[in-house]
Amino acid sequence: RAAALEGEGVIFQPSFLVGDDLRTGRLVELLPDHRPM
């Protein structure tokens, strides 16, 4: 997560870890037409 916040690349991580970052815009969810696992 810390590396992703620094702009190092794309990550595939659970919502309990990145949920706050998505809500604040620090991270952006990709491919919204795909249903998350």
Full PDB file with SEQRES, HELIX, SHEET, SSBOND, CRYST1, ORIGX, SCALE, CONECT and MASTER records, all heavy atoms in Angstrom:
SEQRES   1 A   37  ARG ALA ALA ALA LEU GLU GLY GLU GLY VAL ILE PHE GLN          
SEQRES   2 A   37  PRO SER PHE LEU VAL GLY ASP ASP LEU ARG THR GLY ARG          
SEQRES   3 A   37  LEU VAL GLU LEU LEU PRO ASP HIS ARG PRO MET                  
HELIX    1 AA1 ALA A    2  LEU A    5  1                                   4    
HELIX    2 AA2 SER A   15  THR A   24  1                                  10    
CRYST1    1.000    1.000    1.000  90.00  90.00  90.00 P 1           1          
ORIGX1      1.000000  0.000000  0.000000        0.00000                         
ORIGX2      0.000000  1.000000  0.000000        0.00000                         
ORIGX3      0.000000  0.000000  1.000000        0.00000                         
SCALE1      1.000000  0.000000  0.000000        0.00000                         
SCALE2      0.000000  1.000000  0.000000        0.00000                         
SCALE3      0.000000  0.000000  1.000000        0.00000                         
ATOM      1  N   ARG A   1       0.836  -1.209   0.000  1.00  0.00           N  
ATOM      2  CA  ARG A   1       0.000   0.000   0.000  1.00  0.00           C  
ATOM      3  C   ARG A   1       0.872   1.261   0.000  1.00  0.00           C  
ATOM      4  O   ARG A   1       0.624   2.214  -0.767  1.00  0.00           O  
ATOM      5  CB  ARG A   1      -0.911  -0.007   1.224  1.00  0.00           C  
ATOM      6  CG  ARG A   1      -1.647   1.297   1.471  1.00  0.00           C  
ATOM      7  CD  ARG A   1      -2.490   1.246   2.744  1.00  0.00           C  
ATOM      8  NE  ARG A   1      -3.007   2.553   3.061  1.00  0.00           N  
ATOM      9  CZ  ARG A   1      -2.394   3.427   3.865  1.00  0.00           C  
ATOM     10  NH1 ARG A   1      -1.228   3.109   4.423  1.00  0.00           N  
ATOM     11  NH2 ARG A   1      -2.940   4.613   4.103  1.00  0.00           N  
ATOM     12  N   ALA A   2       1.900   1.278   0.855  1.00  0.00           N  
ATOM     13  CA  ALA A   2       2.775   2.453   0.931  1.00  0.00           C  
ATOM     14  C   ALA A   2       3.473   2.709  -0.402  1.00  0.00           C  
ATOM     15  O   ALA A   2       3.590   3.860  -0.845  1.00  0.00           O  
ATOM     16  CB  ALA A   2       3.804   2.260   2.045  1.00  0.00           C  
ATOM     17  N   ALA A   3       3.912   1.657  -1.071  1.00  0.00           N  
ATOM     18  CA  ALA A   3       4.561   1.808  -2.377  1.00  0.00           C  
ATOM     19  C   ALA A   3       3.581   2.343  -3.414  1.00  0.00           C  
ATOM     20  O   ALA A   3       3.935   3.191  -4.241  1.00  0.00           O  
ATOM     21  CB  ALA A   3       5.138   0.469  -2.825  1.00  0.00           C  
ATOM     22  N   ALA A   4       2.336   1.846  -3.365  1.00  0.00           N  
ATOM     23  CA  ALA A   4       1.322   2.341  -4.304  1.00  0.00           C  
ATOM     24  C   ALA A   4       1.041   3.817  -4.076  1.00  0.00           C  
ATOM     25  O   ALA A   4       0.884   4.596  -5.033  1.00  0.00           O  
ATOM     26  CB  ALA A   4       0.041   1.525  -4.161  1.00  0.00           C  
ATOM     27  N   LEU A   5       0.957   4.239  -2.822  1.00  0.00           N  
ATOM     28  CA  LEU A   5       0.703   5.655  -2.514  1.00  0.00           C  
ATOM     29  C   LEU A   5       1.829   6.547  -3.017  1.00  0.00           C  
ATOM     30  O   LEU A   5       1.615   7.735  -3.325  1.00  0.00           O  
ATOM     31  CB  LEU A   5       0.528   5.838  -1.003  1.00  0.00           C  
ATOM     32  CG  LEU A   5      -0.754   5.243  -0.400  1.00  0.00           C  
ATOM     33  CD1 LEU A   5      -0.712   5.298   1.120  1.00  0.00           C  
ATOM     34  CD2 LEU A   5      -1.987   5.982  -0.931  1.00  0.00           C  
ATOM     35  N   GLU A   6       3.028   5.977  -3.126  1.00  0.00           N  
ATOM     36  CA  GLU A   6       4.166   6.729  -3.663  1.00  0.00           C  
ATOM     37  C   GLU A   6       4.204   6.712  -5.189  1.00  0.00           C  
ATOM     38  O   GLU A   6       5.129   7.245  -5.799  1.00  0.00           O  
ATOM     39  CB  GLU A   6       5.476   6.151  -3.118  1.00  0.00           C  
ATOM     40  CG  GLU A   6       5.697   6.398  -1.640  1.00  0.00           C  
ATOM     41  CD  GLU A   6       5.844   7.871  -1.315  1.00  0.00           C  
ATOM     42  OE1 GLU A   6       6.460   8.598  -2.117  1.00  0.00           O  
ATOM     43  OE2 GLU A   6       5.328   8.297  -0.267  1.00  0.00           O  
ATOM     44  N   GLY A   7       3.210   6.067  -5.805  1.00  0.00           N  
ATOM     45  CA  GLY A   7       3.146   6.063  -7.261  1.00  0.00           C  
ATOM     46  C   GLY A   7       3.973   5.003  -7.929  1.00  0.00           C  
ATOM     47  O   GLY A   7       4.294   5.115  -9.120  1.00  0.00           O  
ATOM     48  N   GLU A   8       4.305   3.921  -7.203  1.00  0.00           N  
ATOM     49  CA  GLU A   8       5.179   2.888  -7.757  1.00  0.00           C  
ATOM     50  C   GLU A   8       4.470   1.949  -8.726  1.00  0.00           C  
ATOM     51  O   GLU A   8       5.120   1.277  -9.510  1.00  0.00           O  
ATOM     52  CB  GLU A   8       5.794   2.076  -6.626  1.00  0.00           C  
ATOM     53  CG  GLU A   8       6.913   2.782  -5.882  1.00  0.00           C  
ATOM     54  CD  GLU A   8       8.082   3.087  -6.803  1.00  0.00           C  
ATOM     55  OE1 GLU A   8       8.590   2.145  -7.441  1.00  0.00           O  
ATOM     56  OE2 GLU A   8       8.461   4.256  -6.902  1.00  0.00           O  
ATOM     57  N   GLY A   9       3.136   1.859  -8.656  1.00  0.00           N  
ATOM     58  CA  GLY A   9       2.479   0.954  -9.590  1.00  0.00           C  
ATOM     59  C   GLY A   9       1.078   0.565  -9.158  1.00  0.00           C  
ATOM     60  O   GLY A   9       0.508   1.114  -8.216  1.00  0.00           O  
ATOM     61  N   VAL A  10       0.539  -0.430  -9.886  1.00  0.00           N  
ATOM     62  CA  VAL A  10      -0.817  -0.925  -9.664  1.00  0.00           C  
ATOM     63  C   VAL A  10      -0.780  -2.042  -8.620  1.00  0.00           C  
ATOM     64  O   VAL A  10       0.124  -2.890  -8.640  1.00  0.00           O  
ATOM     65  CB  VAL A  10      -1.413  -1.462 -10.981  1.00  0.00           C  
ATOM     66  CG1 VAL A  10      -2.812  -2.028 -10.748  1.00  0.00           C  
ATOM     67  CG2 VAL A  10      -1.448  -0.364 -12.035  1.00  0.00           C  
ATOM     68  N   ILE A  11      -1.761  -2.057  -7.721  1.00  0.00           N  
ATOM     69  CA  ILE A  11      -1.822  -3.100  -6.697  1.00  0.00           C  
ATOM     70  C   ILE A  11      -3.192  -3.781  -6.719  1.00  0.00           C  
ATOM     71  O   ILE A  11      -4.173  -3.222  -7.218  1.00  0.00           O  
ATOM     72  CB  ILE A  11      -1.530  -2.561  -5.282  1.00  0.00           C  
ATOM     73  CG1 ILE A  11      -2.590  -1.538  -4.858  1.00  0.00           C  
ATOM     74  CG2 ILE A  11      -0.136  -1.962  -5.232  1.00  0.00           C  
ATOM     75  CD1 ILE A  11      -2.443  -1.079  -3.401  1.00  0.00           C  
ATOM     76  N   PHE A  12      -3.234  -4.979  -6.183  1.00  0.00           N  
ATOM     77  CA  PHE A  12      -4.462  -5.763  -6.075  1.00  0.00           C  
ATOM     78  C   PHE A  12      -4.539  -6.205  -4.620  1.00  0.00           C  
ATOM     79  O   PHE A  12      -3.955  -7.214  -4.232  1.00  0.00           O  
ATOM     80  CB  PHE A  12      -4.361  -6.965  -7.018  1.00  0.00           C  
ATOM     81  CG  PHE A  12      -5.659  -7.700  -7.248  1.00  0.00           C  
ATOM     82  CD1 PHE A  12      -6.851  -7.035  -7.457  1.00  0.00           C  
ATOM     83  CD2 PHE A  12      -5.675  -9.095  -7.265  1.00  0.00           C  
ATOM     84  CE1 PHE A  12      -8.034  -7.726  -7.681  1.00  0.00           C  
ATOM     85  CE2 PHE A  12      -6.850  -9.799  -7.492  1.00  0.00           C  
ATOM     86  CZ  PHE A  12      -8.034  -9.112  -7.701  1.00  0.00           C  
ATOM     87  N   GLN A  13      -5.255  -5.410  -3.807  1.00  0.00           N  
ATOM     88  CA  GLN A  13      -5.241  -5.592  -2.363  1.00  0.00           C  
ATOM     89  C   GLN A  13      -6.651  -5.535  -1.785  1.00  0.00           C  
ATOM     90  O   GLN A  13      -7.574  -5.006  -2.408  1.00  0.00           O  
ATOM     91  CB  GLN A  13      -4.362  -4.523  -1.708  1.00  0.00           C  
ATOM     92  CG  GLN A  13      -2.865  -4.750  -1.892  1.00  0.00           C  
ATOM     93  CD  GLN A  13      -2.384  -5.987  -1.152  1.00  0.00           C  
ATOM     94  OE1 GLN A  13      -2.492  -6.099   0.068  1.00  0.00           O  
ATOM     95  NE2 GLN A  13      -1.839  -6.946  -1.904  1.00  0.00           N  
ATOM     96  N   PRO A  14      -6.853  -6.056  -0.584  1.00  0.00           N  
ATOM     97  CA  PRO A  14      -8.196  -6.102  -0.005  1.00  0.00           C  
ATOM     98  C   PRO A  14      -8.711  -4.735   0.430  1.00  0.00           C  
ATOM     99  O   PRO A  14      -7.937  -3.849   0.808  1.00  0.00           O  
ATOM    100  CB  PRO A  14      -8.028  -7.036   1.200  1.00  0.00           C  
ATOM    101  CG  PRO A  14      -6.587  -7.032   1.507  1.00  0.00           C  
ATOM    102  CD  PRO A  14      -5.859  -6.788   0.234  1.00  0.00           C  
ATOM    103  N   SER A  15     -10.030  -4.608   0.390  1.00  0.00           N  
ATOM    104  CA  SER A  15     -10.668  -3.334   0.723  1.00  0.00           C  
ATOM    105  C   SER A  15     -10.448  -2.934   2.171  1.00  0.00           C  
ATOM    106  O   SER A  15     -10.449  -1.741   2.488  1.00  0.00           O  
ATOM    107  CB  SER A  15     -12.169  -3.402   0.423  1.00  0.00           C  
ATOM    108  OG  SER A  15     -12.774  -4.507   1.086  1.00  0.00           O  
ATOM    109  N   PHE A  16     -10.223  -3.909   3.073  1.00  0.00           N  
ATOM    110  CA  PHE A  16      -9.989  -3.515   4.463  1.00  0.00           C  
ATOM    111  C   PHE A  16      -8.662  -2.792   4.628  1.00  0.00           C  
ATOM    112  O   PHE A  16      -8.435  -2.100   5.614  1.00  0.00           O  
ATOM    113  CB  PHE A  16     -10.069  -4.720   5.413  1.00  0.00           C  
ATOM    114  CG  PHE A  16      -9.020  -5.773   5.224  1.00  0.00           C  
ATOM    115  CD1 PHE A  16      -7.712  -5.586   5.619  1.00  0.00           C  
ATOM    116  CD2 PHE A  16      -9.361  -6.995   4.651  1.00  0.00           C  
ATOM    117  CE1 PHE A  16      -6.755  -6.574   5.443  1.00  0.00           C  
ATOM    118  CE2 PHE A  16      -8.415  -7.991   4.481  1.00  0.00           C  
ATOM    119  CZ  PHE A  16      -7.108  -7.777   4.877  1.00  0.00           C  
ATOM    120  N   LEU A  17      -7.768  -2.905   3.635  1.00  0.00           N  
ATOM    121  CA  LEU A  17      -6.477  -2.237   3.688  1.00  0.00           C  
ATOM    122  C   LEU A  17      -6.487  -0.905   2.946  1.00  0.00           C  
ATOM    123  O   LEU A  17      -5.894   0.073   3.399  1.00  0.00           O  
ATOM    124  CB  LEU A  17      -5.399  -3.160   3.101  1.00  0.00           C  
ATOM    125  CG  LEU A  17      -3.967  -2.621   3.097  1.00  0.00           C  
ATOM    126  CD1 LEU A  17      -3.488  -2.373   4.534  1.00  0.00           C  
ATOM    127  CD2 LEU A  17      -3.035  -3.606   2.415  1.00  0.00           C  
ATOM    128  N   VAL A  18      -7.182  -0.848   1.796  1.00  0.00           N  
ATOM    129  CA  VAL A  18      -7.124   0.354   0.957  1.00  0.00           C  
ATOM    130  C   VAL A  18      -8.433   1.134   0.920  1.00  0.00           C  
ATOM    131  O   VAL A  18      -8.543   2.129   0.203  1.00  0.00           O  
ATOM    132  CB  VAL A  18      -6.706  -0.019  -0.482  1.00  0.00           C  
ATOM    133  CG1 VAL A  18      -5.322  -0.653  -0.493  1.00  0.00           C  
ATOM    134  CG2 VAL A  18      -7.725  -0.951  -1.134  1.00  0.00           C  
ATOM    135  N   GLY A  19      -9.430   0.715   1.695  1.00  0.00           N  
ATOM    136  CA  GLY A  19     -10.740   1.358   1.650  1.00  0.00           C  
ATOM    137  C   GLY A  19     -10.695   2.846   1.928  1.00  0.00           C  
ATOM    138  O   GLY A  19     -11.307   3.652   1.202  1.00  0.00           O  
ATOM    139  N   ASP A  20      -9.980   3.263   2.960  1.00  0.00           N  
ATOM    140  CA  ASP A  20      -9.891   4.694   3.295  1.00  0.00           C  
ATOM    141  C   ASP A  20      -9.182   5.470   2.189  1.00  0.00           C  
ATOM    142  O   ASP A  20      -9.548   6.616   1.887  1.00  0.00           O  
ATOM    143  CB  ASP A  20      -9.158   4.886   4.617  1.00  0.00           C  
ATOM    144  CG  ASP A  20      -9.997   4.467   5.816  1.00  0.00           C  
ATOM    145  OD1 ASP A  20     -11.235   4.341   5.659  1.00  0.00           O  
ATOM    146  OD2 ASP A  20      -9.422   4.256   6.898  1.00  0.00           O  
ATOM    147  N   ASP A  21      -8.172   4.861   1.576  1.00  0.00           N  
ATOM    148  CA  ASP A  21      -7.452   5.538   0.490  1.00  0.00           C  
ATOM    149  C   ASP A  21      -8.359   5.748  -0.713  1.00  0.00           C  
ATOM    150  O   ASP A  21      -8.273   6.787  -1.386  1.00  0.00           O  
ATOM    151  CB  ASP A  21      -6.231   4.699   0.078  1.00  0.00           C  
ATOM    152  CG  ASP A  21      -5.245   4.516   1.220  1.00  0.00           C  
ATOM    153  OD1 ASP A  21      -4.965   5.496   1.926  1.00  0.00           O  
ATOM    154  OD2 ASP A  21      -4.769   3.390   1.404  1.00  0.00           O  
ATOM    155  N   LEU A  22      -9.220   4.802  -1.002  1.00  0.00           N  
ATOM    156  CA  LEU A  22     -10.158   4.949  -2.115  1.00  0.00           C  
ATOM    157  C   LEU A  22     -11.181   6.044  -1.816  1.00  0.00           C  
ATOM    158  O   LEU A  22     -11.527   6.850  -2.703  1.00  0.00           O  
ATOM    159  CB  LEU A  22     -10.872   3.621  -2.384  1.00  0.00           C  
ATOM    160  CG  LEU A  22      -9.994   2.454  -2.845  1.00  0.00           C  
ATOM    161  CD1 LEU A  22     -10.800   1.166  -2.866  1.00  0.00           C  
ATOM    162  CD2 LEU A  22      -9.409   2.731  -4.232  1.00  0.00           C  
ATOM    163  N   ARG A  23     -11.655   6.110  -0.586  1.00  0.00           N  
ATOM    164  CA  ARG A  23     -12.662   7.110  -0.224  1.00  0.00           C  
ATOM    165  C   ARG A  23     -12.101   8.520  -0.247  1.00  0.00           C  
ATOM    166  O   ARG A  23     -12.822   9.472  -0.566  1.00  0.00           O  
ATOM    167  CB  ARG A  23     -13.245   6.783   1.155  1.00  0.00           C  
ATOM    168  CG  ARG A  23     -14.198   5.583   1.143  1.00  0.00           C  
ATOM    169  CD  ARG A  23     -14.886   5.375   2.481  1.00  0.00           C  
ATOM    170  NE  ARG A  23     -14.034   4.709   3.448  1.00  0.00           N  
ATOM    171  CZ  ARG A  23     -13.932   3.394   3.555  1.00  0.00           C  
ATOM    172  NH1 ARG A  23     -14.618   2.594   2.754  1.00  0.00           N  
ATOM    173  NH2 ARG A  23     -13.144   2.853   4.473  1.00  0.00           N  
ATOM    174  N   THR A  24     -10.813   8.671   0.056  1.00  0.00           N  
ATOM    175  CA  THR A  24     -10.203  10.002   0.077  1.00  0.00           C  
ATOM    176  C   THR A  24      -9.555  10.375  -1.254  1.00  0.00           C  
ATOM    177  O   THR A  24      -9.113  11.514  -1.421  1.00  0.00           O  
ATOM    178  CB  THR A  24      -9.143  10.091   1.183  1.00  0.00           C  
ATOM    179  OG1 THR A  24      -8.133   9.096   0.946  1.00  0.00           O  
ATOM    180  CG2 THR A  24      -9.770   9.872   2.550  1.00  0.00           C  
ATOM    181  N   GLY A  25      -9.462   9.419  -2.180  1.00  0.00           N  
ATOM    182  CA  GLY A  25      -8.861   9.713  -3.476  1.00  0.00           C  
ATOM    183  C   GLY A  25      -7.368   9.518  -3.540  1.00  0.00           C  
ATOM    184  O   GLY A  25      -6.753   9.804  -4.574  1.00  0.00           O  
ATOM    185  N   ARG A  26      -6.754   9.062  -2.454  1.00  0.00           N  
ATOM    186  CA  ARG A  26      -5.307   8.809  -2.500  1.00  0.00           C  
ATOM    187  C   ARG A  26      -4.985   7.662  -3.446  1.00  0.00           C  
ATOM    188  O   ARG A  26      -3.897   7.584  -4.008  1.00  0.00           O  
ATOM    189  CB  ARG A  26      -4.780   8.506  -1.090  1.00  0.00           C  
ATOM    190  CG  ARG A  26      -4.838   9.689  -0.133  1.00  0.00           C  
ATOM    191  CD  ARG A  26      -4.084   9.399   1.163  1.00  0.00           C  
ATOM    192  NE  ARG A  26      -4.688   8.317   1.910  1.00  0.00           N  
ATOM    193  CZ  ARG A  26      -5.595   8.478   2.866  1.00  0.00           C  
ATOM    194  NH1 ARG A  26      -5.999   9.697   3.175  1.00  0.00           N  
ATOM    195  NH2 ARG A  26      -6.091   7.441   3.523  1.00  0.00           N  
ATOM    196  N   LEU A  27      -5.950   6.733  -3.579  1.00  0.00           N  
ATOM    197  CA  LEU A  27      -5.854   5.663  -4.567  1.00  0.00           C  
ATOM    198  C   LEU A  27      -7.131   5.675  -5.402  1.00  0.00           C  
ATOM    199  O   LEU A  27      -8.196   6.060  -4.913  1.00  0.00           O  
ATOM    200  CB  LEU A  27      -5.683   4.299  -3.892  1.00  0.00           C  
ATOM    201  CG  LEU A  27      -4.364   4.046  -3.151  1.00  0.00           C  
ATOM    202  CD1 LEU A  27      -4.412   2.710  -2.412  1.00  0.00           C  
ATOM    203  CD2 LEU A  27      -3.163   4.093  -4.100  1.00  0.00           C  
ATOM    204  N   VAL A  28      -7.018   5.218  -6.644  1.00  0.00           N  
ATOM    205  CA  VAL A  28      -8.153   5.209  -7.572  1.00  0.00           C  
ATOM    206  C   VAL A  28      -8.428   3.770  -7.997  1.00  0.00           C  
ATOM    207  O   VAL A  28      -7.507   3.055  -8.426  1.00  0.00           O  
ATOM    208  CB  VAL A  28      -7.853   6.070  -8.810  1.00  0.00           C  
ATOM    209  CG1 VAL A  28      -9.009   5.999  -9.810  1.00  0.00           C  
ATOM    210  CG2 VAL A  28      -7.566   7.519  -8.406  1.00  0.00           C  
ATOM    211  N   GLU A  29      -9.682   3.337  -7.871  1.00  0.00           N  
ATOM    212  CA  GLU A  29     -10.034   1.995  -8.310  1.00  0.00           C  
ATOM    213  C   GLU A  29     -10.035   1.930  -9.831  1.00  0.00           C  
ATOM    214  O   GLU A  29     -10.552   2.829 -10.509  1.00  0.00           O  
ATOM    215  CB  GLU A  29     -11.409   1.596  -7.764  1.00  0.00           C  
ATOM    216  CG  GLU A  29     -11.764   0.153  -8.069  1.00  0.00           C  
ATOM    217  CD  GLU A  29     -12.955  -0.353  -7.277  1.00  0.00           C  
ATOM    218  OE1 GLU A  29     -13.530   0.424  -6.480  1.00  0.00           O  
ATOM    219  OE2 GLU A  29     -13.305  -1.536  -7.469  1.00  0.00           O  
ATOM    220  N   LEU A  30      -9.486   0.864 -10.379  1.00  0.00           N  
ATOM    221  CA  LEU A  30      -9.366   0.695 -11.820  1.00  0.00           C  
ATOM    222  C   LEU A  30     -10.396  -0.303 -12.336  1.00  0.00           C  
ATOM    223  O   LEU A  30     -10.887  -1.154 -11.600  1.00  0.00           O  
ATOM    224  CB  LEU A  30      -7.963   0.203 -12.169  1.00  0.00           C  
ATOM    225  CG  LEU A  30      -6.794   1.057 -11.642  1.00  0.00           C  
ATOM    226  CD1 LEU A  30      -5.468   0.430 -12.019  1.00  0.00           C  
ATOM    227  CD2 LEU A  30      -6.897   2.492 -12.165  1.00  0.00           C  
ATOM    228  N   LEU A  31     -10.708  -0.195 -13.610  1.00  0.00           N  
ATOM    229  CA  LEU A  31     -11.634  -1.098 -14.292  1.00  0.00           C  
ATOM    230  C   LEU A  31     -12.945  -1.262 -13.506  1.00  0.00           C  
ATOM    231  O   LEU A  31     -13.315  -2.369 -13.099  1.00  0.00           O  
ATOM    232  CB  LEU A  31     -10.982  -2.466 -14.512  1.00  0.00           C  
ATOM    233  CG  LEU A  31      -9.664  -2.465 -15.303  1.00  0.00           C  
ATOM    234  CD1 LEU A  31      -9.096  -3.875 -15.363  1.00  0.00           C  
ATOM    235  CD2 LEU A  31      -9.871  -1.904 -16.702  1.00  0.00           C  
ATOM    236  N   PRO A  32     -13.675  -0.163 -13.311  1.00  0.00           N  
ATOM    237  CA  PRO A  32     -14.907  -0.237 -12.503  1.00  0.00           C  
ATOM    238  C   PRO A  32     -15.999  -1.111 -13.115  1.00  0.00           C  
ATOM    239  O   PRO A  32     -16.935  -1.498 -12.402  1.00  0.00           O  
ATOM    240  CB  PRO A  32     -15.347   1.228 -12.412  1.00  0.00           C  
ATOM    241  CG  PRO A  32     -14.703   1.898 -13.581  1.00  0.00           C  
ATOM    242  CD  PRO A  32     -13.407   1.202 -13.793  1.00  0.00           C  
ATOM    243  N   ASP A  33     -15.893  -1.444 -14.416  1.00  0.00           N  
ATOM    244  CA  ASP A  33     -16.899  -2.322 -15.015  1.00  0.00           C  
ATOM    245  C   ASP A  33     -16.638  -3.796 -14.698  1.00  0.00           C  
ATOM    246  O   ASP A  33     -17.461  -4.656 -15.005  1.00  0.00           O  
ATOM    247  CB  ASP A  33     -16.950  -2.127 -16.538  1.00  0.00           C  
ATOM    248  CG  ASP A  33     -15.606  -2.360 -17.207  1.00  0.00           C  
ATOM    249  OD1 ASP A  33     -14.566  -2.264 -16.504  1.00  0.00           O  
ATOM    250  OD2 ASP A  33     -15.582  -2.647 -18.414  1.00  0.00           O  
ATOM    251  N   HIS A  34     -15.501  -4.075 -14.074  1.00  0.00           N  
ATOM    252  CA  HIS A  34     -15.208  -5.431 -13.622  1.00  0.00           C  
ATOM    253  C   HIS A  34     -15.643  -5.567 -12.158  1.00  0.00           C  
ATOM    254  O   HIS A  34     -15.388  -4.680 -11.344  1.00  0.00           O  
ATOM    255  CB  HIS A  34     -13.712  -5.745 -13.720  1.00  0.00           C  
ATOM    256  CG  HIS A  34     -13.251  -5.991 -15.123  1.00  0.00           C  
ATOM    257  ND1 HIS A  34     -13.269  -5.019 -16.090  1.00  0.00           N  
ATOM    258  CD2 HIS A  34     -12.767  -7.119 -15.719  1.00  0.00           C  
ATOM    259  CE1 HIS A  34     -12.802  -5.507 -17.228  1.00  0.00           C  
ATOM    260  NE2 HIS A  34     -12.494  -6.787 -17.030  1.00  0.00           N  
ATOM    261  N   ARG A  35     -16.288  -6.674 -11.828  1.00  0.00           N  
ATOM    262  CA  ARG A  35     -16.748  -6.881 -10.462  1.00  0.00           C  
ATOM    263  C   ARG A  35     -15.600  -7.430  -9.615  1.00  0.00           C  
ATOM    264  O   ARG A  35     -14.989  -8.433  -9.971  1.00  0.00           O  
ATOM    265  CB  ARG A  35     -17.917  -7.867 -10.442  1.00  0.00           C  
ATOM    266  CG  ARG A  35     -18.636  -7.930  -9.082  1.00  0.00           C  
ATOM    267  CD  ARG A  35     -19.846  -8.828  -9.158  1.00  0.00           C  
ATOM    268  NE  ARG A  35     -19.448 -10.221  -9.357  1.00  0.00           N  
ATOM    269  CZ  ARG A  35     -20.281 -11.185  -9.722  1.00  0.00           C  
ATOM    270  NH1 ARG A  35     -21.545 -10.898  -9.970  1.00  0.00           N  
ATOM    271  NH2 ARG A  35     -19.849 -12.425  -9.854  1.00  0.00           N  
ATOM    272  N   PRO A  36     -15.315  -6.765  -8.490  1.00  0.00           N  
ATOM    273  CA  PRO A  36     -14.200  -7.219  -7.657  1.00  0.00           C  
ATOM    274  C   PRO A  36     -14.474  -8.604  -7.067  1.00  0.00           C  
ATOM    275  O   PRO A  36     -15.620  -8.985  -6.842  1.00  0.00           O  
ATOM    276  CB  PRO A  36     -14.126  -6.167  -6.547  1.00  0.00           C  
ATOM    277  CG  PRO A  36     -14.904  -5.003  -7.052  1.00  0.00           C  
ATOM    278  CD  PRO A  36     -15.954  -5.554  -7.962  1.00  0.00           C  
ATOM    279  N   MET A  37     -13.418  -9.323  -6.817  1.00  0.00           N  
ATOM    280  CA  MET A  37     -13.516 -10.648  -6.223  1.00  0.00           C  
ATOM    281  C   MET A  37     -13.753 -10.522  -4.719  1.00  0.00           C  
ATOM    282  O   MET A  37     -13.042  -9.785  -4.028  1.00  0.00           O  
ATOM    283  CB  MET A  37     -12.226 -11.424  -6.487  1.00  0.00           C  
ATOM    284  CG  MET A  37     -12.188 -12.814  -5.901  1.00  0.00           C  
ATOM    285  SD  MET A  37     -10.687 -13.691  -6.386  1.00  0.00           S  
ATOM    286  CE  MET A  37      -9.441 -12.694  -5.601  1.00  0.00           C  
TER     287      MET A  37                                                      
MASTER        0    0    0    2    0    0    0    6  286    1    0    3          
END                                                                             
